[in-house]
Amino acid sequence: SQYASAAKDTPTPNFDDSNSAEPKVAVDPAKQEAVDIAPAPKAKPNQSKPDFFYRYRNGISPLLGFAFDTKANDDGSGTVTILGIRYLFASETLSAYELGAELLSNGSGTVHAGKRWDSSRSRFRPYTTAGLGMRIVPKDQVATVLRKEHVQLRGGAGFEYLSLDPISTRVEFGAIATLKSFQAQVLLGMNWAW
């Protein structure tokens, strides 16, 4: 066939440089650059890599503090002492749900649920919170949960610092609003994590 005869007539390529059509250029040894063949310098460690990673996901926090409440006491004084507890549910992200309860020195209390957003997983962990709560007033008895003026809108900011693994110091500043009152809180406590 015509393809077989064309393959026979094609010359075999020669890859030998000795017959190259390009002329060889002579290089002056004095003009050649020196090549450094020393090993590459060691890379510096990444400075942005954190030196600590907070591995815990759950936590329980007993808290003690005070609050100024516009409707705290019948005698008109607005400062109350707070004893509270919070439970942080496990989460793989920097946000998690938190439940809590507080007893106030005027005999009332609150139960609340919300979300917490941590800004890091280092020893020092600032966070913000937002949620809803229900003020419990003993004189209202069972009707306390039916009164819309006891529903709370809660927000706050604070931080935890890992002081003795797995215990962290916790400081929180909170603001709580209802239809008829406002409360500003300062809380201090510990967080036991696992």
N, C-alpha and C. Protein backbone atom coordinates (compact mmCIF):
# COMPACT_ATOMS: atom_id res chain seq x y z
N SER A 1 0.84 -1.18 0.00
CA SER A 1 0.00 0.00 0.00
C SER A 1 0.87 1.23 0.00
N GLN A 2 0.24 2.40 -0.25
CA GLN A 2 1.03 3.62 -0.38
C GLN A 2 1.62 4.07 0.95
N TYR A 3 0.93 3.74 2.12
CA TYR A 3 1.46 4.14 3.43
C TYR A 3 2.70 3.33 3.78
N ALA A 4 2.72 2.07 3.45
CA ALA A 4 3.88 1.22 3.74
C ALA A 4 5.09 1.68 2.95
N SER A 5 4.91 2.08 1.66
CA SER A 5 6.05 2.53 0.87
C SER A 5 6.53 3.90 1.34
N ALA A 6 5.61 4.74 1.84
CA ALA A 6 6.01 6.05 2.35
C ALA A 6 6.85 5.89 3.61
N ALA A 7 6.51 4.90 4.47
CA ALA A 7 7.26 4.66 5.68
C ALA A 7 8.66 4.17 5.37
N LYS A 8 8.82 3.40 4.27
CA LYS A 8 10.14 2.87 3.89
C LYS A 8 11.01 3.98 3.34
N ASP A 9 10.43 4.97 2.65
CA ASP A 9 11.20 6.02 2.02
C ASP A 9 11.59 7.14 2.99
N THR A 10 10.96 7.22 4.18
CA THR A 10 11.25 8.30 5.13
C THR A 10 12.57 7.99 5.82
N PRO A 11 13.46 8.96 5.83
CA PRO A 11 14.76 8.70 6.47
C PRO A 11 14.60 8.59 7.98
N THR A 12 15.45 7.83 8.63
CA THR A 12 15.47 7.67 10.08
C THR A 12 16.05 8.93 10.70
N PRO A 13 15.37 9.48 11.70
CA PRO A 13 15.89 10.71 12.31
C PRO A 13 17.19 10.45 13.05
N ASN A 14 18.07 11.43 13.03
CA ASN A 14 19.36 11.34 13.69
C ASN A 14 19.36 12.35 14.84
N PHE A 15 19.50 11.86 16.07
CA PHE A 15 19.47 12.72 17.24
C PHE A 15 20.86 13.08 17.72
N ASP A 16 21.85 12.79 16.98
CA ASP A 16 23.22 13.09 17.37
C ASP A 16 23.51 14.56 17.10
N ASP A 17 24.07 15.29 18.12
CA ASP A 17 24.35 16.72 18.00
C ASP A 17 25.56 17.02 17.12
N SER A 18 26.37 16.05 16.85
CA SER A 18 27.62 16.32 16.13
C SER A 18 27.36 16.85 14.73
N ASN A 19 26.24 16.52 14.14
CA ASN A 19 25.93 16.99 12.78
C ASN A 19 24.93 18.14 12.78
N SER A 20 24.77 18.78 13.93
CA SER A 20 23.78 19.85 14.04
C SER A 20 24.15 21.01 13.14
N ALA A 21 23.12 21.65 12.61
CA ALA A 21 23.35 22.77 11.71
C ALA A 21 23.69 24.04 12.49
N GLU A 22 23.37 24.07 13.84
CA GLU A 22 23.66 25.26 14.62
C GLU A 22 25.13 25.30 14.97
N PRO A 23 25.75 26.49 14.84
CA PRO A 23 27.17 26.57 15.19
C PRO A 23 27.35 26.58 16.70
N LYS A 24 28.44 26.00 17.18
CA LYS A 24 28.74 26.00 18.61
C LYS A 24 29.36 27.32 18.98
N VAL A 25 28.95 27.88 20.12
CA VAL A 25 29.44 29.17 20.58
C VAL A 25 30.48 28.92 21.65
N ALA A 26 31.60 29.56 21.54
CA ALA A 26 32.65 29.44 22.54
C ALA A 26 32.35 30.41 23.67
N VAL A 27 32.43 29.94 24.92
CA VAL A 27 32.15 30.76 26.09
C VAL A 27 33.45 31.02 26.82
N ASP A 28 33.66 32.32 27.13
CA ASP A 28 34.86 32.72 27.86
C ASP A 28 34.71 32.28 29.31
N PRO A 29 35.61 31.46 29.86
CA PRO A 29 35.48 30.97 31.24
C PRO A 29 35.44 32.11 32.26
N ALA A 30 36.04 33.25 31.99
CA ALA A 30 36.06 34.37 32.93
C ALA A 30 34.68 35.01 33.05
N LYS A 31 33.86 34.88 32.01
CA LYS A 31 32.55 35.51 32.02
C LYS A 31 31.45 34.57 32.53
N GLN A 32 31.77 33.34 32.83
CA GLN A 32 30.76 32.41 33.35
C GLN A 32 30.42 32.75 34.80
N GLU A 33 29.16 32.64 35.14
CA GLU A 33 28.72 32.93 36.51
C GLU A 33 28.93 31.70 37.38
N ALA A 34 29.27 31.96 38.64
CA ALA A 34 29.44 30.87 39.60
C ALA A 34 28.08 30.37 40.04
N VAL A 35 27.94 29.09 40.24
CA VAL A 35 26.69 28.49 40.67
C VAL A 35 26.87 27.99 42.09
N ASP A 36 25.98 28.43 42.99
CA ASP A 36 26.04 28.02 44.38
C ASP A 36 25.28 26.71 44.53
N ILE A 37 25.95 25.68 45.00
CA ILE A 37 25.29 24.37 45.18
C ILE A 37 25.15 24.03 46.66
N ALA A 38 25.19 25.03 47.52
CA ALA A 38 25.01 24.81 48.96
C ALA A 38 23.56 24.42 49.23
N PRO A 39 23.30 23.71 50.32
CA PRO A 39 21.91 23.34 50.63
C PRO A 39 21.06 24.59 50.92
N ALA A 40 19.79 24.47 50.66
CA ALA A 40 18.86 25.60 50.88
C ALA A 40 18.76 25.89 52.36
N PRO A 41 18.58 27.16 52.73
CA PRO A 41 18.42 27.47 54.17
C PRO A 41 17.13 26.87 54.72
N LYS A 42 17.14 26.56 56.02
CA LYS A 42 15.96 25.99 56.65
C LYS A 42 14.86 27.03 56.72
N ALA A 43 13.63 26.59 56.45
CA ALA A 43 12.48 27.49 56.48
C ALA A 43 12.18 27.89 57.91
N LYS A 44 11.79 29.15 58.10
CA LYS A 44 11.42 29.63 59.44
C LYS A 44 10.04 29.08 59.77
N PRO A 45 9.81 28.76 61.05
CA PRO A 45 8.48 28.26 61.41
C PRO A 45 7.42 29.32 61.17
N ASN A 46 6.22 28.86 60.86
CA ASN A 46 5.10 29.77 60.60
C ASN A 46 4.74 30.51 61.88
N GLN A 47 4.87 31.84 61.87
CA GLN A 47 4.63 32.65 63.06
C GLN A 47 3.15 32.72 63.42
N SER A 48 2.25 32.47 62.46
CA SER A 48 0.82 32.58 62.74
C SER A 48 0.24 31.30 63.34
N LYS A 49 1.02 30.27 63.44
CA LYS A 49 0.52 29.01 64.00
C LYS A 49 0.29 29.18 65.51
N PRO A 50 -0.90 28.84 66.02
CA PRO A 50 -1.16 29.03 67.45
C PRO A 50 -0.32 28.09 68.29
N ASP A 51 0.09 28.56 69.46
CA ASP A 51 0.90 27.73 70.34
C ASP A 51 0.05 26.85 71.25
N PHE A 52 -1.28 27.07 71.23
CA PHE A 52 -2.18 26.30 72.09
C PHE A 52 -3.52 26.14 71.40
N PHE A 53 -4.14 24.98 71.58
CA PHE A 53 -5.48 24.74 71.03
C PHE A 53 -6.37 24.26 72.15
N TYR A 54 -7.47 24.97 72.41
CA TYR A 54 -8.43 24.62 73.44
C TYR A 54 -9.29 23.48 72.93
N ARG A 55 -9.13 22.30 73.50
CA ARG A 55 -9.74 21.09 72.94
C ARG A 55 -11.11 20.74 73.53
N TYR A 56 -11.52 21.42 74.58
CA TYR A 56 -12.76 21.05 75.26
C TYR A 56 -13.99 21.58 74.52
N ARG A 57 -15.10 20.86 74.66
CA ARG A 57 -16.33 21.25 73.96
C ARG A 57 -17.49 21.53 74.92
N ASN A 58 -17.59 20.80 76.01
CA ASN A 58 -18.65 20.99 77.00
C ASN A 58 -18.10 21.78 78.18
N GLY A 59 -19.00 22.41 78.93
CA GLY A 59 -18.56 23.10 80.13
C GLY A 59 -19.72 23.45 81.03
N ILE A 60 -19.43 23.55 82.33
CA ILE A 60 -20.42 24.00 83.30
C ILE A 60 -19.77 25.12 84.11
N SER A 61 -20.53 26.20 84.30
CA SER A 61 -19.98 27.40 84.92
C SER A 61 -20.85 27.89 86.07
N PRO A 62 -20.37 27.78 87.32
CA PRO A 62 -21.04 28.48 88.41
C PRO A 62 -20.58 29.94 88.39
N LEU A 63 -21.52 30.87 88.59
CA LEU A 63 -21.23 32.30 88.49
C LEU A 63 -21.79 33.06 89.68
N LEU A 64 -21.10 34.11 90.06
CA LEU A 64 -21.55 34.99 91.12
C LEU A 64 -21.36 36.42 90.63
N GLY A 65 -22.33 37.30 90.93
CA GLY A 65 -22.19 38.66 90.45
C GLY A 65 -23.25 39.56 91.01
N PHE A 66 -23.39 40.70 90.36
CA PHE A 66 -24.41 41.64 90.77
C PHE A 66 -25.04 42.26 89.53
N ALA A 67 -26.18 42.89 89.75
CA ALA A 67 -26.89 43.51 88.64
C ALA A 67 -27.60 44.76 89.13
N PHE A 68 -27.71 45.71 88.24
CA PHE A 68 -28.59 46.84 88.46
C PHE A 68 -29.85 46.56 87.66
N ASP A 69 -30.98 46.52 88.36
CA ASP A 69 -32.25 46.20 87.72
C ASP A 69 -33.24 47.32 88.01
N THR A 70 -33.88 47.83 86.99
CA THR A 70 -34.83 48.93 87.17
C THR A 70 -36.09 48.51 87.92
N LYS A 71 -36.31 47.20 88.05
CA LYS A 71 -37.52 46.71 88.75
C LYS A 71 -37.16 45.55 89.66
N ALA A 72 -36.03 45.67 90.34
CA ALA A 72 -35.55 44.54 91.11
C ALA A 72 -36.23 44.39 92.46
N ASN A 73 -36.33 45.47 93.20
CA ASN A 73 -36.83 45.38 94.57
C ASN A 73 -38.05 46.27 94.77
N ASP A 74 -38.92 45.85 95.66
CA ASP A 74 -40.12 46.64 95.95
C ASP A 74 -39.79 47.96 96.65
N ASP A 75 -38.65 47.99 97.37
CA ASP A 75 -38.30 49.21 98.11
C ASP A 75 -37.62 50.25 97.22
N GLY A 76 -37.45 49.99 95.95
CA GLY A 76 -36.88 50.97 95.02
C GLY A 76 -35.39 50.81 94.78
N SER A 77 -34.69 50.02 95.60
CA SER A 77 -33.25 49.82 95.35
C SER A 77 -33.10 48.86 94.19
N GLY A 78 -32.21 49.18 93.29
CA GLY A 78 -32.13 48.40 92.06
C GLY A 78 -30.96 47.45 91.96
N THR A 79 -30.15 47.32 93.01
CA THR A 79 -28.98 46.44 92.93
C THR A 79 -29.31 45.11 93.58
N VAL A 80 -29.02 44.02 92.87
CA VAL A 80 -29.25 42.67 93.40
C VAL A 80 -28.00 41.83 93.20
N THR A 81 -27.87 40.84 94.05
CA THR A 81 -26.78 39.86 93.93
C THR A 81 -27.31 38.67 93.14
N ILE A 82 -26.43 38.09 92.33
CA ILE A 82 -26.84 36.98 91.45
C ILE A 82 -25.99 35.75 91.73
N LEU A 83 -26.63 34.61 91.83
CA LEU A 83 -25.95 33.31 91.87
C LEU A 83 -26.49 32.52 90.69
N GLY A 84 -25.62 32.12 89.78
CA GLY A 84 -26.09 31.47 88.57
C GLY A 84 -25.26 30.26 88.18
N ILE A 85 -25.77 29.54 87.21
CA ILE A 85 -25.07 28.39 86.65
C ILE A 85 -25.39 28.33 85.16
N ARG A 86 -24.40 27.94 84.35
CA ARG A 86 -24.57 27.80 82.90
C ARG A 86 -24.01 26.46 82.46
N TYR A 87 -24.65 25.90 81.45
CA TYR A 87 -24.17 24.66 80.84
C TYR A 87 -23.98 24.91 79.34
N LEU A 88 -22.78 24.67 78.85
CA LEU A 88 -22.45 24.84 77.44
C LEU A 88 -22.48 23.48 76.75
N PHE A 89 -23.32 23.35 75.72
CA PHE A 89 -23.44 22.10 74.97
C PHE A 89 -22.27 21.95 74.00
N ALA A 90 -21.90 20.72 73.72
CA ALA A 90 -20.78 20.44 72.82
C ALA A 90 -21.08 20.91 71.40
N SER A 91 -20.03 21.42 70.75
CA SER A 91 -20.14 21.85 69.37
C SER A 91 -18.77 21.75 68.71
N GLU A 92 -18.75 21.41 67.44
CA GLU A 92 -17.49 21.32 66.70
C GLU A 92 -17.08 22.67 66.11
N THR A 93 -17.95 23.67 66.20
CA THR A 93 -17.65 24.99 65.65
C THR A 93 -17.42 25.97 66.81
N LEU A 94 -17.21 27.22 66.48
CA LEU A 94 -16.99 28.24 67.50
C LEU A 94 -18.29 28.79 68.08
N SER A 95 -19.42 28.24 67.68
CA SER A 95 -20.70 28.64 68.27
C SER A 95 -21.35 27.42 68.92
N ALA A 96 -22.03 27.66 70.04
CA ALA A 96 -22.66 26.55 70.77
C ALA A 96 -23.86 27.09 71.54
N TYR A 97 -24.77 26.18 71.91
CA TYR A 97 -25.94 26.55 72.70
C TYR A 97 -25.59 26.46 74.18
N GLU A 98 -26.24 27.34 74.97
CA GLU A 98 -25.98 27.40 76.40
C GLU A 98 -27.31 27.57 77.15
N LEU A 99 -27.48 26.79 78.22
CA LEU A 99 -28.63 26.90 79.11
C LEU A 99 -28.17 27.44 80.45
N GLY A 100 -29.05 28.19 81.12
CA GLY A 100 -28.65 28.72 82.41
C GLY A 100 -29.82 29.01 83.31
N ALA A 101 -29.51 29.22 84.58
CA ALA A 101 -30.49 29.61 85.58
C ALA A 101 -29.80 30.54 86.57
N GLU A 102 -30.56 31.49 87.11
CA GLU A 102 -30.00 32.45 88.06
C GLU A 102 -30.99 32.67 89.19
N LEU A 103 -30.46 32.82 90.41
CA LEU A 103 -31.23 33.22 91.57
C LEU A 103 -30.78 34.63 91.94
N LEU A 104 -31.76 35.53 92.18
CA LEU A 104 -31.45 36.89 92.55
C LEU A 104 -31.76 37.10 94.03
N SER A 105 -31.04 38.02 94.65
CA SER A 105 -31.19 38.23 96.09
C SER A 105 -32.56 38.79 96.48
N ASN A 106 -33.36 39.25 95.53
CA ASN A 106 -34.70 39.74 95.85
C ASN A 106 -35.74 38.62 95.84
N GLY A 107 -35.30 37.37 95.65
CA GLY A 107 -36.22 36.24 95.69
C GLY A 107 -36.69 35.77 94.33
N SER A 108 -36.43 36.51 93.29
CA SER A 108 -36.83 36.08 91.95
C SER A 108 -35.69 35.30 91.30
N GLY A 109 -35.92 34.87 90.09
CA GLY A 109 -34.89 34.13 89.36
C GLY A 109 -35.16 34.16 87.88
N THR A 110 -34.30 33.52 87.12
CA THR A 110 -34.48 33.42 85.67
C THR A 110 -34.02 32.06 85.19
N VAL A 111 -34.62 31.61 84.13
CA VAL A 111 -34.12 30.48 83.35
C VAL A 111 -33.95 31.02 81.93
N HIS A 112 -32.91 30.60 81.26
CA HIS A 112 -32.64 31.17 79.94
C HIS A 112 -31.89 30.19 79.04
N ALA A 113 -32.02 30.41 77.76
CA ALA A 113 -31.33 29.63 76.74
C ALA A 113 -30.83 30.59 75.67
N GLY A 114 -29.70 30.28 75.10
CA GLY A 114 -29.16 31.17 74.09
C GLY A 114 -28.04 30.52 73.31
N LYS A 115 -27.42 31.33 72.49
CA LYS A 115 -26.31 30.88 71.67
C LYS A 115 -25.08 31.70 72.05
N ARG A 116 -23.95 31.04 72.01
CA ARG A 116 -22.68 31.68 72.36
C ARG A 116 -21.74 31.54 71.18
N TRP A 117 -21.05 32.63 70.84
CA TRP A 117 -20.08 32.64 69.74
C TRP A 117 -18.70 32.96 70.29
N ASP A 118 -17.82 31.96 70.31
CA ASP A 118 -16.43 32.17 70.74
C ASP A 118 -15.64 32.71 69.56
N SER A 119 -14.62 33.51 69.86
CA SER A 119 -13.82 34.07 68.77
C SER A 119 -12.52 33.32 68.56
N SER A 120 -12.18 32.35 69.43
CA SER A 120 -10.95 31.58 69.22
C SER A 120 -11.01 30.30 70.05
N ARG A 121 -10.02 29.45 69.85
CA ARG A 121 -9.86 28.24 70.65
C ARG A 121 -8.49 28.28 71.35
N SER A 122 -8.10 29.47 71.79
CA SER A 122 -6.83 29.62 72.48
C SER A 122 -7.08 29.67 73.99
N ARG A 123 -6.06 29.98 74.77
CA ARG A 123 -6.23 30.09 76.23
C ARG A 123 -7.19 31.24 76.57
N PHE A 124 -7.08 32.35 75.87
CA PHE A 124 -7.95 33.50 76.08
C PHE A 124 -9.04 33.46 75.01
N ARG A 125 -10.30 33.30 75.45
CA ARG A 125 -11.41 33.09 74.51
C ARG A 125 -12.51 34.13 74.72
N PRO A 126 -12.47 35.25 74.03
CA PRO A 126 -13.60 36.20 74.11
C PRO A 126 -14.83 35.60 73.43
N TYR A 127 -16.00 36.02 73.87
CA TYR A 127 -17.24 35.50 73.29
C TYR A 127 -18.35 36.53 73.40
N THR A 128 -19.40 36.30 72.63
CA THR A 128 -20.64 37.07 72.72
C THR A 128 -21.80 36.09 72.86
N THR A 129 -22.90 36.56 73.44
CA THR A 129 -24.06 35.70 73.63
C THR A 129 -25.34 36.44 73.26
N ALA A 130 -26.35 35.68 72.90
CA ALA A 130 -27.69 36.22 72.66
C ALA A 130 -28.69 35.11 72.95
N GLY A 131 -29.84 35.49 73.50
CA GLY A 131 -30.84 34.47 73.80
C GLY A 131 -32.10 35.04 74.40
N LEU A 132 -32.94 34.12 74.87
CA LEU A 132 -34.22 34.46 75.50
C LEU A 132 -34.26 33.85 76.89
N GLY A 133 -35.02 34.50 77.77
CA GLY A 133 -35.16 33.99 79.12
C GLY A 133 -36.55 34.23 79.66
N MET A 134 -36.79 33.69 80.84
CA MET A 134 -38.07 33.88 81.52
C MET A 134 -37.77 34.23 82.98
N ARG A 135 -38.26 35.37 83.40
CA ARG A 135 -38.10 35.77 84.80
C ARG A 135 -39.14 35.02 85.63
N ILE A 136 -38.69 34.45 86.72
CA ILE A 136 -39.56 33.70 87.62
C ILE A 136 -39.78 34.56 88.87
N VAL A 137 -41.03 34.94 89.11
CA VAL A 137 -41.39 35.77 90.26
C VAL A 137 -42.28 34.93 91.17
N PRO A 138 -41.83 34.60 92.39
CA PRO A 138 -42.60 33.70 93.26
C PRO A 138 -44.02 34.16 93.56
N LYS A 139 -44.25 35.46 93.73
CA LYS A 139 -45.62 35.91 94.07
C LYS A 139 -46.61 35.70 92.93
N ASP A 140 -46.09 35.54 91.69
CA ASP A 140 -46.98 35.25 90.56
C ASP A 140 -47.32 33.77 90.44
N GLN A 141 -46.64 32.95 91.19
CA GLN A 141 -46.83 31.50 91.20
C GLN A 141 -46.75 30.93 89.77
N VAL A 142 -47.69 30.07 89.42
CA VAL A 142 -47.63 29.41 88.10
C VAL A 142 -47.86 30.41 86.97
N ALA A 143 -48.57 31.48 87.24
CA ALA A 143 -48.87 32.47 86.20
C ALA A 143 -47.63 33.23 85.73
N THR A 144 -46.51 33.07 86.43
CA THR A 144 -45.30 33.80 86.03
C THR A 144 -44.87 33.48 84.61
N VAL A 145 -45.11 32.26 84.16
CA VAL A 145 -44.71 31.88 82.80
C VAL A 145 -45.70 32.36 81.75
N LEU A 146 -46.88 32.83 82.19
CA LEU A 146 -47.88 33.32 81.25
C LEU A 146 -47.82 34.83 81.05
N ARG A 147 -47.06 35.50 81.87
CA ARG A 147 -46.99 36.97 81.78
C ARG A 147 -45.92 37.38 80.79
N LYS A 148 -46.33 38.12 79.78
CA LYS A 148 -45.37 38.52 78.74
C LYS A 148 -44.33 39.50 79.25
N GLU A 149 -44.59 40.19 80.36
CA GLU A 149 -43.58 41.11 80.89
C GLU A 149 -42.41 40.40 81.54
N HIS A 150 -42.52 39.07 81.72
CA HIS A 150 -41.42 38.30 82.28
C HIS A 150 -40.50 37.70 81.20
N VAL A 151 -40.89 37.80 79.96
CA VAL A 151 -40.04 37.28 78.87
C VAL A 151 -38.85 38.23 78.70
N GLN A 152 -37.67 37.66 78.62
CA GLN A 152 -36.43 38.45 78.55
C GLN A 152 -35.74 38.28 77.20
N LEU A 153 -35.20 39.39 76.72
CA LEU A 153 -34.28 39.38 75.59
C LEU A 153 -32.91 39.63 76.18
N ARG A 154 -31.98 38.68 75.97
CA ARG A 154 -30.68 38.72 76.65
C ARG A 154 -29.54 38.84 75.65
N GLY A 155 -28.54 39.58 76.03
CA GLY A 155 -27.32 39.70 75.23
C GLY A 155 -26.14 39.92 76.16
N GLY A 156 -24.96 39.59 75.68
CA GLY A 156 -23.80 39.77 76.55
C GLY A 156 -22.50 39.54 75.83
N ALA A 157 -21.44 39.85 76.54
CA ALA A 157 -20.08 39.63 76.04
C ALA A 157 -19.21 39.30 77.24
N GLY A 158 -18.20 38.53 76.99
CA GLY A 158 -17.31 38.16 78.08
C GLY A 158 -16.09 37.43 77.55
N PHE A 159 -15.39 36.80 78.47
CA PHE A 159 -14.23 36.01 78.07
C PHE A 159 -13.98 34.91 79.09
N GLU A 160 -13.28 33.90 78.63
CA GLU A 160 -12.77 32.84 79.51
C GLU A 160 -11.27 32.76 79.30
N TYR A 161 -10.56 32.47 80.38
CA TYR A 161 -9.11 32.28 80.29
C TYR A 161 -8.76 30.99 80.99
N LEU A 162 -8.10 30.09 80.26
CA LEU A 162 -7.72 28.78 80.83
C LEU A 162 -6.64 29.01 81.87
N SER A 163 -7.03 28.96 83.15
CA SER A 163 -6.09 29.26 84.21
C SER A 163 -5.45 28.00 84.81
N LEU A 164 -6.21 26.91 84.89
CA LEU A 164 -5.69 25.65 85.42
C LEU A 164 -6.43 24.54 84.68
N ASP A 165 -5.80 23.98 83.68
CA ASP A 165 -6.42 23.00 82.78
C ASP A 165 -7.14 21.91 83.55
N PRO A 166 -8.43 21.68 83.38
CA PRO A 166 -9.40 22.18 82.41
C PRO A 166 -10.30 23.31 82.96
N ILE A 167 -9.85 24.04 83.97
CA ILE A 167 -10.66 25.09 84.59
C ILE A 167 -10.28 26.45 84.01
N SER A 168 -11.29 27.20 83.62
CA SER A 168 -11.08 28.55 83.09
C SER A 168 -11.76 29.56 83.99
N THR A 169 -11.17 30.75 84.09
CA THR A 169 -11.82 31.88 84.75
C THR A 169 -12.77 32.50 83.74
N ARG A 170 -13.96 32.86 84.20
CA ARG A 170 -14.98 33.42 83.30
C ARG A 170 -15.46 34.77 83.82
N VAL A 171 -15.50 35.76 82.94
CA VAL A 171 -16.04 37.09 83.25
C VAL A 171 -17.05 37.42 82.17
N GLU A 172 -18.23 37.89 82.59
CA GLU A 172 -19.28 38.19 81.61
C GLU A 172 -20.02 39.48 81.99
N PHE A 173 -20.34 40.26 80.98
CA PHE A 173 -21.16 41.47 81.12
C PHE A 173 -22.42 41.24 80.30
N GLY A 174 -23.58 41.42 80.94
CA GLY A 174 -24.84 41.12 80.26
C GLY A 174 -25.83 42.26 80.33
N ALA A 175 -26.72 42.25 79.36
CA ALA A 175 -27.83 43.20 79.33
C ALA A 175 -29.10 42.42 79.07
N ILE A 176 -30.13 42.70 79.87
CA ILE A 176 -31.38 41.96 79.79
C ILE A 176 -32.52 42.97 79.73
N ALA A 177 -33.39 42.81 78.75
CA ALA A 177 -34.53 43.72 78.60
C ALA A 177 -35.83 42.93 78.61
N THR A 178 -36.81 43.46 79.32
CA THR A 178 -38.18 42.95 79.28
C THR A 178 -39.07 44.11 78.85
N LEU A 179 -40.37 43.87 78.78
CA LEU A 179 -41.28 44.95 78.40
C LEU A 179 -41.33 46.08 79.44
N LYS A 180 -41.00 45.76 80.70
CA LYS A 180 -41.13 46.76 81.76
C LYS A 180 -39.85 47.01 82.55
N SER A 181 -38.75 46.38 82.21
CA SER A 181 -37.52 46.59 83.00
C SER A 181 -36.28 46.36 82.15
N PHE A 182 -35.17 46.80 82.72
CA PHE A 182 -33.85 46.58 82.09
C PHE A 182 -32.89 46.19 83.19
N GLN A 183 -31.98 45.27 82.88
CA GLN A 183 -31.00 44.81 83.86
C GLN A 183 -29.62 44.77 83.22
N ALA A 184 -28.63 45.28 83.94
CA ALA A 184 -27.22 45.20 83.52
C ALA A 184 -26.49 44.33 84.53
N GLN A 185 -25.77 43.30 84.05
CA GLN A 185 -25.12 42.33 84.93
C GLN A 185 -23.61 42.35 84.78
N VAL A 186 -22.94 42.01 85.86
CA VAL A 186 -21.50 41.71 85.86
C VAL A 186 -21.35 40.39 86.62
N LEU A 187 -20.81 39.38 85.94
CA LEU A 187 -20.69 38.04 86.55
C LEU A 187 -19.24 37.56 86.49
N LEU A 188 -18.85 36.85 87.53
CA LEU A 188 -17.51 36.27 87.62
C LEU A 188 -17.66 34.83 88.08
N GLY A 189 -16.91 33.93 87.48
CA GLY A 189 -16.99 32.54 87.88
C GLY A 189 -15.92 31.69 87.24
N MET A 190 -16.16 30.40 87.26
CA MET A 190 -15.22 29.43 86.72
C MET A 190 -15.97 28.56 85.71
N ASN A 191 -15.24 28.02 84.76
CA ASN A 191 -15.82 27.08 83.80
C ASN A 191 -15.05 25.76 83.89
N TRP A 192 -15.73 24.70 84.26
CA TRP A 192 -15.12 23.36 84.26
C TRP A 192 -15.49 22.71 82.93
N ALA A 193 -14.50 22.35 82.16
CA ALA A 193 -14.73 21.86 80.81
C ALA A 193 -14.31 20.40 80.67
N TRP A 194 -14.91 19.74 79.69
CA TRP A 194 -14.53 18.36 79.33
C TRP A 194 -14.81 18.11 77.88
